[in-house]
């Protein structure tokens, strides 16, 4: 115990700059679905992974941290959040996820609104989350705008990749935004892609009718990379028949790179998802239908899709996703536990950890940047004091881009201040 406390104290230094460091004697998890490596080493230089595995040579003169056999993994990649753009639900001044009265939709870029001082960022960083996929919310159109990938580092530059994807609603919410039905949403989708192609062919003669246009010039321009396959399109869809409708539409627009989000009934159409090569960022344990779009919900959804060959990671749409991305490691652990229940289908440990690291990164086209400890990836490394998918496990250290991060949170400060209240200037609630 004393050794762990000393290790934690050494690793919790305030971050200064990207460093060259070798973490040795680790139970090392690469994050790509492979098994943990006993006695592993990971070397980070100038913010990037140089090497990770057993028998990795440590360069001379490099700071070396012997973690004594503890777990070392890539940082968690939160697969779907609104972290940094929503602070308090119901308080519009703290929320930039949606724009109810704006004439722009697809053109909205949330990167400029990401607030690195949002209280959820240090909280989730202290739980091993190092990157987050941040999406806008729809308002007045099926298209919500362009989302970003952020890091949770203790600095003022949180955006890793702006305009990383376009987000769209389908199903009941998409139908409502399009005018009242799913066919209306499909018509809006087809029209938008067609107009984006028109814009790409001749931007100078694109007919923009201002606020009354079905698609403003800015929205058409924003959808060009979606139409030509250079920007992923994340689509919130839950019902199996809706997924089939989108797969059918994709045949007419084969360049569009769809990623389904939520997908409560994905297990019912898993072969079609595999054939269409559509990745899924699923809600982990939706087992009760929260809407008519989710009547086929089952806790075995993720496990069944994975068994069928679907590339499936975890996200948290409509699940306190602005604040509690840290719960993804608990959800992944629950999927491991499902493998022990008769008749249920979960994930083995290796696949479950990949579902919260490398798979979300790969789904949005950033697998060569984040989500694993493979050479060349960003130096996002977490040292744990136990199995990271166990509820009681804590974090001993976090590196983001090779920078050692502080783990103290506001909750820690409040606990320390009021655990043993002293006489003096205390809030009124503490006066007797």
Protein backbone atom coordinates (compact mmCIF):
# COMPACT_ATOMS: atom_id res chain seq x y z
CA UNK A 1 0.00 0.00 0.00
CA UNK A 2 2.83 2.37 0.92
CA UNK A 3 4.49 1.65 -2.44
CA UNK A 4 1.23 2.43 -4.30
CA UNK A 5 0.89 5.76 -2.48
CA UNK A 6 4.47 6.68 -3.35
CA UNK A 7 3.90 5.67 -6.98
CA UNK A 8 0.71 7.73 -7.17
CA UNK A 9 2.41 10.75 -5.63
CA UNK A 10 5.23 10.53 -8.16
CA UNK A 11 2.82 10.23 -11.08
CA UNK A 12 0.39 12.97 -10.08
CA UNK A 13 2.74 15.88 -10.75
CA UNK A 14 1.30 18.95 -12.46
CA UNK A 15 1.66 18.62 -16.26
CA UNK A 16 4.28 20.81 -17.89
CA UNK A 17 5.12 19.51 -21.35
CA UNK A 18 5.19 16.38 -23.45
CA UNK A 19 7.97 14.18 -22.18
CA UNK A 20 9.88 11.08 -23.05
CA UNK A 21 8.99 8.40 -20.55
CA UNK A 22 9.12 4.62 -20.33
CA UNK A 23 6.55 2.84 -18.20
CA UNK A 24 7.85 -0.61 -17.35
CA UNK A 25 6.87 -3.81 -15.52
CA UNK A 26 3.25 -3.31 -16.57
CA UNK A 27 0.28 -5.54 -17.23
CA UNK A 28 0.05 -3.90 -20.61
CA UNK A 29 -3.14 -3.57 -22.67
CA UNK A 30 -2.62 -2.40 -26.25
CA UNK A 31 -6.35 -1.70 -26.68
CA UNK A 32 -6.83 -3.42 -30.05
CA UNK A 33 -8.64 -6.46 -28.66
CA UNK A 34 -5.50 -8.45 -27.93
CA UNK A 35 -4.82 -9.99 -24.50
CA UNK A 36 -2.91 -8.15 -21.76
CA UNK A 37 0.87 -8.53 -21.82
CA UNK A 38 2.61 -9.37 -18.55
CA UNK A 39 5.87 -7.53 -17.94
CA UNK A 40 5.19 -5.04 -20.70
CA UNK A 41 6.77 -1.67 -21.45
CA UNK A 42 5.43 1.38 -23.25
CA UNK A 43 7.70 4.19 -24.43
CA UNK A 44 6.35 7.68 -25.19
CA UNK A 45 8.47 10.30 -26.94
CA UNK A 46 7.36 13.86 -27.76
CA UNK A 47 3.69 13.00 -27.26
CA UNK A 48 3.62 9.84 -29.39
CA UNK A 49 3.86 6.12 -28.67
CA UNK A 50 7.23 4.81 -29.83
CA UNK A 51 6.77 1.17 -28.87
CA UNK A 52 4.67 -1.01 -26.56
CA UNK A 53 4.97 -4.68 -25.71
CA UNK A 54 7.15 -7.26 -24.00
CA UNK A 55 10.90 -6.94 -24.45
CA UNK A 56 10.74 -3.31 -25.60
CA UNK A 57 14.13 -1.65 -25.13
CA UNK A 58 14.18 1.49 -22.98
CA UNK A 59 16.30 4.24 -24.56
CA UNK A 60 19.19 5.48 -22.47
CA UNK A 61 18.64 8.54 -20.31
CA UNK A 62 14.85 8.23 -20.43
CA UNK A 63 12.71 8.74 -17.33
CA UNK A 64 11.54 5.26 -16.31
CA UNK A 65 8.54 4.48 -14.14
CA UNK A 66 8.29 0.93 -12.78
CA UNK A 67 4.60 0.34 -12.04
CA UNK A 68 5.12 -2.95 -10.26
CA UNK A 69 2.88 -5.14 -12.42
CA UNK A 70 -0.10 -2.77 -12.44
CA UNK A 71 -2.43 -2.36 -15.41
CA UNK A 72 -1.35 0.14 -18.08
CA UNK A 73 -3.73 0.89 -20.96
CA UNK A 74 -4.57 3.45 -23.60
CA UNK A 75 -6.91 6.17 -22.39
CA UNK A 76 -10.64 5.63 -22.75
CA UNK A 77 -12.20 7.17 -25.86
CA UNK A 78 -15.73 8.25 -24.95
CA UNK A 79 -17.69 7.13 -28.00
CA UNK A 80 -20.55 9.64 -27.97
CA UNK A 81 -20.79 12.63 -25.65
CA UNK A 82 -21.74 16.28 -25.42
CA UNK A 83 -18.90 16.97 -23.01
CA UNK A 84 -17.62 20.52 -23.07
CA UNK A 85 -20.67 21.96 -24.83
CA UNK A 86 -23.28 21.35 -22.09
CA UNK A 87 -22.78 22.20 -18.44
CA UNK A 88 -26.26 22.28 -16.86
CA UNK A 89 -29.29 20.72 -18.53
CA UNK A 90 -32.14 23.18 -18.80
CA UNK A 91 -29.93 26.27 -18.49
CA UNK A 92 -29.56 27.61 -22.02
CA UNK A 93 -26.65 29.87 -21.09
CA UNK A 94 -24.52 26.79 -20.38
CA UNK A 95 -25.59 24.70 -23.38
CA UNK A 96 -24.32 24.98 -26.95
CA UNK A 97 -25.36 21.56 -28.25
CA UNK A 98 -28.34 22.77 -30.32
CA UNK A 99 -29.51 25.97 -32.01
CA UNK A 100 -33.31 26.06 -32.02
CA UNK A 101 -33.88 29.17 -34.14
CA UNK A 102 -30.80 29.21 -36.35
CA UNK A 103 -31.22 29.08 -40.15
CA UNK A 104 -28.08 26.92 -40.20
CA UNK A 105 -27.92 23.23 -39.35
CA UNK A 106 -25.30 21.08 -41.09
CA UNK A 107 -22.96 24.10 -41.18
CA UNK A 108 -22.85 24.43 -37.39
CA UNK A 109 -19.37 23.64 -36.08
CA UNK A 110 -19.32 23.01 -32.33
CA UNK A 111 -15.50 23.11 -32.00
CA UNK A 112 -15.45 26.82 -31.08
CA UNK A 113 -17.89 26.21 -28.21
CA UNK A 114 -15.93 23.48 -26.42
CA UNK A 115 -15.16 24.80 -22.94
CA UNK A 116 -12.02 23.28 -21.43
CA UNK A 117 -13.13 24.57 -18.01
CA UNK A 118 -16.31 22.48 -18.01
CA UNK A 119 -16.51 20.67 -14.68
CA UNK A 120 -17.03 17.27 -16.32
CA UNK A 121 -13.59 17.31 -17.99
CA UNK A 122 -11.37 16.93 -14.88
CA UNK A 123 -13.88 14.50 -13.37
CA UNK A 124 -13.74 12.17 -16.37
CA UNK A 125 -9.99 12.63 -16.82
CA UNK A 126 -9.47 11.38 -13.27
CA UNK A 127 -11.39 8.24 -14.25
CA UNK A 128 -9.15 7.42 -17.21
CA UNK A 129 -11.04 9.13 -20.06
CA UNK A 130 -8.54 10.91 -22.32
CA UNK A 131 -10.53 11.63 -25.52
CA UNK A 132 -14.19 12.26 -26.26
CA UNK A 133 -16.28 12.27 -29.42
CA UNK A 134 -18.49 15.36 -28.98
CA UNK A 135 -21.66 15.76 -31.03
CA UNK A 136 -24.15 18.61 -31.46
CA UNK A 137 -27.90 18.10 -31.02
CA UNK A 138 -30.56 18.50 -33.70
CA UNK A 139 -33.01 21.40 -33.77
CA UNK A 140 -35.19 22.10 -36.81
CA UNK A 141 -33.48 19.70 -39.19
CA UNK A 142 -32.31 16.11 -39.32
CA UNK A 143 -28.76 17.51 -39.48
CA UNK A 144 -27.27 18.81 -36.22
CA UNK A 145 -23.91 20.00 -37.47
CA UNK A 146 -20.27 19.02 -37.29
CA UNK A 147 -18.90 17.35 -34.17
CA UNK A 148 -15.36 17.30 -32.82
CA UNK A 149 -12.94 14.99 -31.09
CA UNK A 150 -11.44 16.55 -27.96
CA UNK A 151 -8.82 15.66 -25.40
CA UNK A 152 -9.38 16.02 -21.66
CA UNK A 153 -6.01 17.55 -20.89
CA UNK A 154 -5.56 20.32 -18.34
CA UNK A 155 -4.93 23.06 -20.87
CA UNK A 156 -6.84 25.57 -23.00
CA UNK A 157 -6.60 23.68 -26.30
CA UNK A 158 -9.07 20.79 -26.03
CA UNK A 159 -9.93 20.22 -29.71
CA UNK A 160 -8.01 17.35 -31.29
CA UNK A 161 -9.92 17.35 -34.57
CA UNK A 162 -12.60 19.92 -35.44
CA UNK A 163 -15.24 19.02 -38.04
CA UNK A 164 -14.52 15.34 -37.43
CA UNK A 165 -18.00 14.18 -38.48
CA UNK A 166 -21.55 15.29 -39.27
CA UNK A 167 -24.34 14.23 -36.89
CA UNK A 168 -27.86 13.36 -38.01
CA UNK A 169 -31.06 12.17 -36.34
CA UNK A 170 -33.29 9.52 -37.88
CA UNK A 171 -36.13 7.46 -36.42
CA UNK A 172 -38.86 9.19 -34.47
CA UNK A 173 -36.77 12.28 -33.64
CA UNK A 174 -35.49 12.64 -37.18
CA UNK A 175 -38.99 12.26 -38.58
CA UNK A 176 -40.25 14.96 -36.25
CA UNK A 177 -37.43 17.33 -37.24
CA UNK A 178 -38.14 16.73 -40.94
CA UNK A 179 -41.81 17.60 -40.63
CA UNK A 180 -43.50 14.63 -39.00
CA UNK A 181 -42.53 11.30 -40.55
CA UNK A 182 -39.67 9.01 -41.45
CA UNK A 183 -40.39 9.32 -45.20
CA UNK A 184 -40.04 13.08 -44.80
CA UNK A 185 -36.64 12.55 -43.17
CA UNK A 186 -35.51 10.29 -46.04
CA UNK A 187 -36.70 12.89 -48.56
CA UNK A 188 -34.80 15.61 -46.69
CA UNK A 189 -31.70 13.43 -46.59
CA UNK A 190 -31.81 12.66 -50.32
CA UNK A 191 -32.46 16.27 -51.22
CA UNK A 192 -29.63 17.49 -49.01
CA UNK A 193 -27.07 15.11 -50.52
CA UNK A 194 -28.21 15.99 -54.03
CA UNK A 195 -27.89 19.70 -53.32
CA UNK A 196 -24.48 19.17 -51.75
CA UNK A 197 -23.36 17.51 -54.97
CA UNK A 198 -24.78 20.44 -56.96
CA UNK A 199 -22.81 22.83 -54.77
CA UNK A 200 -19.62 20.81 -55.25
CA UNK A 201 -20.02 20.90 -59.04
CA UNK A 202 -20.56 24.66 -59.26
CA UNK A 203 -20.32 26.63 -55.99
CA UNK A 204 -20.65 30.00 -57.73
CA UNK A 205 -24.09 29.22 -59.14
CA UNK A 206 -25.63 27.45 -56.16
CA UNK A 207 -29.14 28.81 -55.63
CA UNK A 208 -29.42 29.96 -52.02
CA UNK A 209 -32.78 31.42 -51.03
CA UNK A 210 -31.71 32.53 -47.57
CA UNK A 211 -33.67 31.50 -44.50
CA UNK A 212 -36.43 29.95 -46.61
CA UNK A 213 -34.08 27.63 -48.50
CA UNK A 214 -34.38 23.90 -47.92
CA UNK A 215 -30.60 23.95 -47.65
CA UNK A 216 -28.62 27.14 -47.18
CA UNK A 217 -25.40 27.66 -49.05
CA UNK A 218 -23.41 27.10 -45.85
CA UNK A 219 -25.25 23.85 -45.09
CA UNK A 220 -24.74 22.59 -48.65
CA UNK A 221 -21.04 23.31 -48.43
CA UNK A 222 -20.82 21.53 -45.05
CA UNK A 223 -22.41 18.39 -46.52
CA UNK A 224 -20.02 18.13 -49.48
CA UNK A 225 -17.43 16.07 -47.52
CA UNK A 226 -20.26 13.81 -46.31
CA UNK A 227 -21.51 13.22 -49.85
CA UNK A 228 -18.03 12.44 -51.16
CA UNK A 229 -17.07 10.20 -48.24
CA UNK A 230 -14.39 12.40 -46.71
CA UNK A 231 -16.35 13.04 -43.49
CA UNK A 232 -18.16 10.31 -41.49
CA UNK A 233 -21.90 10.70 -40.92
CA UNK A 234 -22.98 9.63 -37.44
CA UNK A 235 -26.69 8.76 -37.48
CA UNK A 236 -28.75 8.23 -34.36
CA UNK A 237 -31.02 5.31 -35.19
CA UNK A 238 -32.51 2.66 -32.90
CA UNK A 239 -35.13 0.65 -34.86
CA UNK A 240 -34.12 -2.27 -37.08
CA UNK A 241 -36.41 -1.23 -39.94
CA UNK A 242 -34.92 2.28 -39.85
CA UNK A 243 -31.43 0.85 -40.16
CA UNK A 244 -32.54 -1.15 -43.18
CA UNK A 245 -34.01 2.02 -44.75
CA UNK A 246 -30.69 3.82 -44.28
CA UNK A 247 -28.74 0.86 -45.66
CA UNK A 248 -31.03 0.91 -48.71
CA UNK A 249 -30.45 4.65 -49.13
CA UNK A 250 -26.70 4.10 -48.89
CA UNK A 251 -26.87 2.03 -52.08
CA UNK A 252 -27.77 5.22 -53.94
CA UNK A 253 -25.01 7.17 -52.18
CA UNK A 254 -22.23 4.56 -51.78
CA UNK A 255 -19.55 7.10 -50.90
CA UNK A 256 -21.34 8.14 -47.67
CA UNK A 257 -19.61 6.66 -44.62
CA UNK A 258 -22.40 6.05 -42.12
CA UNK A 259 -21.84 5.19 -38.45
CA UNK A 260 -24.96 4.19 -36.51
CA UNK A 261 -25.31 5.54 -32.97
CA UNK A 262 -27.54 3.89 -30.35
CA UNK A 263 -28.74 0.94 -32.46
CA UNK A 264 -30.84 -0.76 -29.77
CA UNK A 265 -32.22 -3.23 -32.35
CA UNK A 266 -28.94 -3.64 -34.21
CA UNK A 267 -28.75 -7.34 -33.37
CA UNK A 268 -31.82 -7.93 -35.55
CA UNK A 269 -30.03 -6.65 -38.66
CA UNK A 270 -26.43 -7.54 -37.82
CA UNK A 271 -25.77 -9.40 -41.11
CA UNK A 272 -26.96 -6.39 -43.10
CA UNK A 273 -24.71 -4.07 -41.04
CA UNK A 274 -21.74 -6.30 -41.78
CA UNK A 275 -22.54 -6.43 -45.49
CA UNK A 276 -22.92 -2.63 -45.65
CA UNK A 277 -19.73 -2.14 -43.60
CA UNK A 278 -21.46 0.20 -41.18
CA UNK A 279 -19.78 0.56 -37.76
CA UNK A 280 -21.93 1.04 -34.66
CA UNK A 281 -21.41 3.16 -31.54
CA UNK A 282 -24.00 1.43 -29.38
CA UNK A 283 -25.58 2.09 -26.02
CA UNK A 284 -24.19 -0.73 -23.90
CA UNK A 285 -27.04 -2.11 -21.82
CA UNK A 286 -30.35 -0.91 -23.22
CA UNK A 287 -32.59 -3.78 -22.13
CA UNK A 288 -35.93 -1.99 -21.71
CA UNK A 289 -37.62 -0.03 -24.52
CA UNK A 290 -37.45 3.67 -23.72
CA UNK A 291 -39.39 4.38 -26.93
CA UNK A 292 -41.29 2.59 -29.67
CA UNK A 293 -38.02 2.61 -31.64
CA UNK A 294 -36.48 0.26 -29.05
CA UNK A 295 -39.03 -2.52 -28.66
CA UNK A 296 -36.43 -5.12 -29.57
CA UNK A 297 -33.99 -4.04 -26.86
CA UNK A 298 -31.80 -6.64 -25.18
CA UNK A 299 -28.65 -6.53 -23.06
CA UNK A 300 -27.17 -9.00 -25.53
CA UNK A 301 -27.38 -6.47 -28.38
CA UNK A 302 -23.69 -5.48 -28.38
CA UNK A 303 -22.48 -9.06 -27.91
CA UNK A 304 -24.67 -10.39 -30.71
CA UNK A 305 -23.56 -7.68 -33.13
CA UNK A 306 -19.90 -8.32 -32.30
CA UNK A 307 -20.38 -12.08 -32.73
CA UNK A 308 -21.91 -11.43 -36.17
CA UNK A 309 -18.88 -9.38 -37.24
CA UNK A 310 -20.13 -5.83 -36.72
CA UNK A 311 -17.50 -3.27 -35.68
CA UNK A 312 -19.18 -2.10 -32.48
CA UNK A 313 -17.98 0.28 -29.78
CA UNK A 314 -19.73 1.99 -26.88
CA UNK A 315 -21.26 5.46 -26.57
CA UNK A 316 -23.76 7.15 -24.29
CA UNK A 317 -26.37 8.97 -26.37
CA UNK A 318 -29.23 10.27 -24.19
CA UNK A 319 -27.52 8.84 -21.09
CA UNK A 320 -26.15 11.87 -19.21
CA UNK A 321 -23.56 11.98 -21.97
CA UNK A 322 -22.46 15.54 -21.17
CA UNK A 323 -21.03 14.56 -17.78
CA UNK A 324 -20.72 10.83 -17.12
CA UNK A 325 -18.58 9.36 -19.90
CA UNK A 326 -16.59 7.67 -17.12
CA UNK A 327 -19.42 5.15 -16.81
CA UNK A 328 -18.33 3.55 -20.08
CA UNK A 329 -15.73 1.43 -18.28
CA UNK A 330 -18.45 0.19 -15.93
CA UNK A 331 -20.70 -0.61 -18.89
CA UNK A 332 -17.85 -2.48 -20.59
CA UNK A 333 -17.34 -4.48 -17.40
CA UNK A 334 -21.03 -5.32 -17.33
CA UNK A 335 -20.77 -6.69 -20.86
CA UNK A 336 -17.97 -8.97 -19.62
CA UNK A 337 -20.21 -10.11 -16.76
CA UNK A 338 -22.98 -10.97 -19.27
CA UNK A 339 -20.81 -13.78 -20.61
CA UNK A 340 -21.41 -15.59 -17.31
CA UNK A 341 -25.22 -15.48 -17.58
CA UNK A 342 -26.96 -18.45 -19.23
CA UNK A 343 -28.52 -17.43 -22.54
CA UNK A 344 -26.89 -13.99 -22.62
CA UNK A 345 -24.26 -12.76 -25.05
CA UNK A 346 -21.64 -10.30 -23.85
CA UNK A 347 -18.03 -9.53 -24.71
CA UNK A 348 -14.81 -11.07 -23.50
CA UNK A 349 -12.53 -8.73 -21.56
CA UNK A 350 -10.28 -7.91 -24.51
CA UNK A 351 -13.18 -7.01 -26.82
CA UNK A 352 -14.92 -5.03 -24.07
CA UNK A 353 -11.88 -2.85 -23.47
CA UNK A 354 -11.39 -2.31 -27.21
CA UNK A 355 -15.05 -1.19 -27.36
CA UNK A 356 -14.19 1.85 -25.22
CA UNK A 357 -10.80 2.61 -26.80
CA UNK A 358 -9.77 1.60 -30.31
CA UNK A 359 -13.18 0.76 -31.79
CA UNK A 360 -14.83 4.22 -31.40
CA UNK A 361 -11.63 5.75 -32.77
CA UNK A 362 -11.68 3.41 -35.76
CA UNK A 363 -15.39 4.00 -36.37
CA UNK A 364 -14.82 7.72 -36.99
CA UNK A 365 -11.62 7.25 -38.95
CA UNK A 366 -9.12 8.11 -36.19
CA UNK A 367 -7.82 4.65 -35.36
CA UNK A 368 -4.35 5.65 -36.53
CA UNK A 369 -4.30 8.55 -34.04
CA UNK A 370 -5.98 7.51 -30.78
CA UNK A 371 -7.45 4.54 -28.94
CA UNK A 372 -4.48 2.17 -28.71
CA UNK A 373 -0.84 1.95 -27.67
CA UNK A 374 0.40 1.07 -31.15
CA UNK A 375 3.44 2.91 -32.42
CA UNK A 376 2.67 6.35 -33.83
CA UNK A 377 -0.52 6.90 -31.85
CA UNK A 378 -0.89 9.81 -29.47
CA UNK A 379 0.63 9.21 -26.06
CA UNK A 380 -2.59 8.73 -24.08
CA UNK A 381 -1.65 6.29 -21.32
CA UNK A 382 -3.42 5.38 -18.08
CA UNK A 383 -1.95 3.56 -15.07
CA UNK A 384 -4.58 1.78 -12.92
CA UNK A 385 -4.42 0.26 -9.45
CA UNK A 386 -6.41 -2.78 -10.61
CA UNK A 387 -8.51 -4.17 -13.45
CA UNK A 388 -9.84 -1.05 -15.22
CA UNK A 389 -13.23 -2.69 -15.85
CA UNK A 390 -13.80 -3.42 -12.16
CA UNK A 391 -15.96 -0.90 -10.31
CA UNK A 392 -13.58 -0.33 -7.42
CA UNK A 393 -10.45 0.30 -9.50
CA UNK A 394 -8.81 3.71 -9.32
CA UNK A 395 -6.45 5.67 -11.55
CA UNK A 396 -2.84 6.20 -10.49
CA UNK A 397 -1.74 8.32 -13.46
CA UNK A 398 -2.92 9.74 -16.76
CA UNK A 399 -0.80 10.97 -19.66
CA UNK A 400 -2.43 12.82 -22.57
CA UNK A 401 -0.24 13.50 -25.60
CA UNK A 402 2.66 12.47 -23.38
CA UNK A 403 1.84 15.12 -20.78
CA UNK A 404 1.38 14.01 -17.17
CA UNK A 405 -2.05 15.18 -15.99
CA UNK A 406 -3.41 16.35 -12.62
CA UNK A 407 -6.09 14.04 -11.22
CA UNK A 408 -7.44 16.20 -8.42
CA UNK A 409 -11.07 17.21 -8.94
CA UNK A 410 -13.42 19.72 -7.39
CA UNK A 411 -15.08 16.83 -5.59
CA UNK A 412 -11.73 15.94 -4.00
CA UNK A 413 -11.25 19.52 -2.86
CA UNK A 414 -14.74 19.69 -1.32
CA UNK A 415 -14.24 16.35 0.42
CA UNK A 416 -10.96 17.48 1.93
CA UNK A 417 -12.35 20.82 2.99
CA UNK A 418 -15.46 19.54 4.74
CA UNK A 419 -14.51 16.05 5.90
CA UNK A 420 -13.48 17.53 9.25
CA UNK A 421 -14.99 21.05 9.37
CA UNK A 422 -12.93 23.55 11.37
CA UNK A 423 -14.11 26.64 13.18
CA UNK A 424 -14.00 29.70 10.97
CA UNK A 425 -15.57 31.00 7.79
CA UNK A 426 -17.89 28.14 6.75
CA UNK A 427 -21.00 28.25 4.58
CA UNK A 428 -24.25 28.97 6.48
CA UNK A 429 -25.31 25.34 6.24
CA UNK A 430 -22.41 24.42 8.55
CA UNK A 431 -23.30 26.96 11.26
CA UNK A 432 -25.25 25.65 14.21
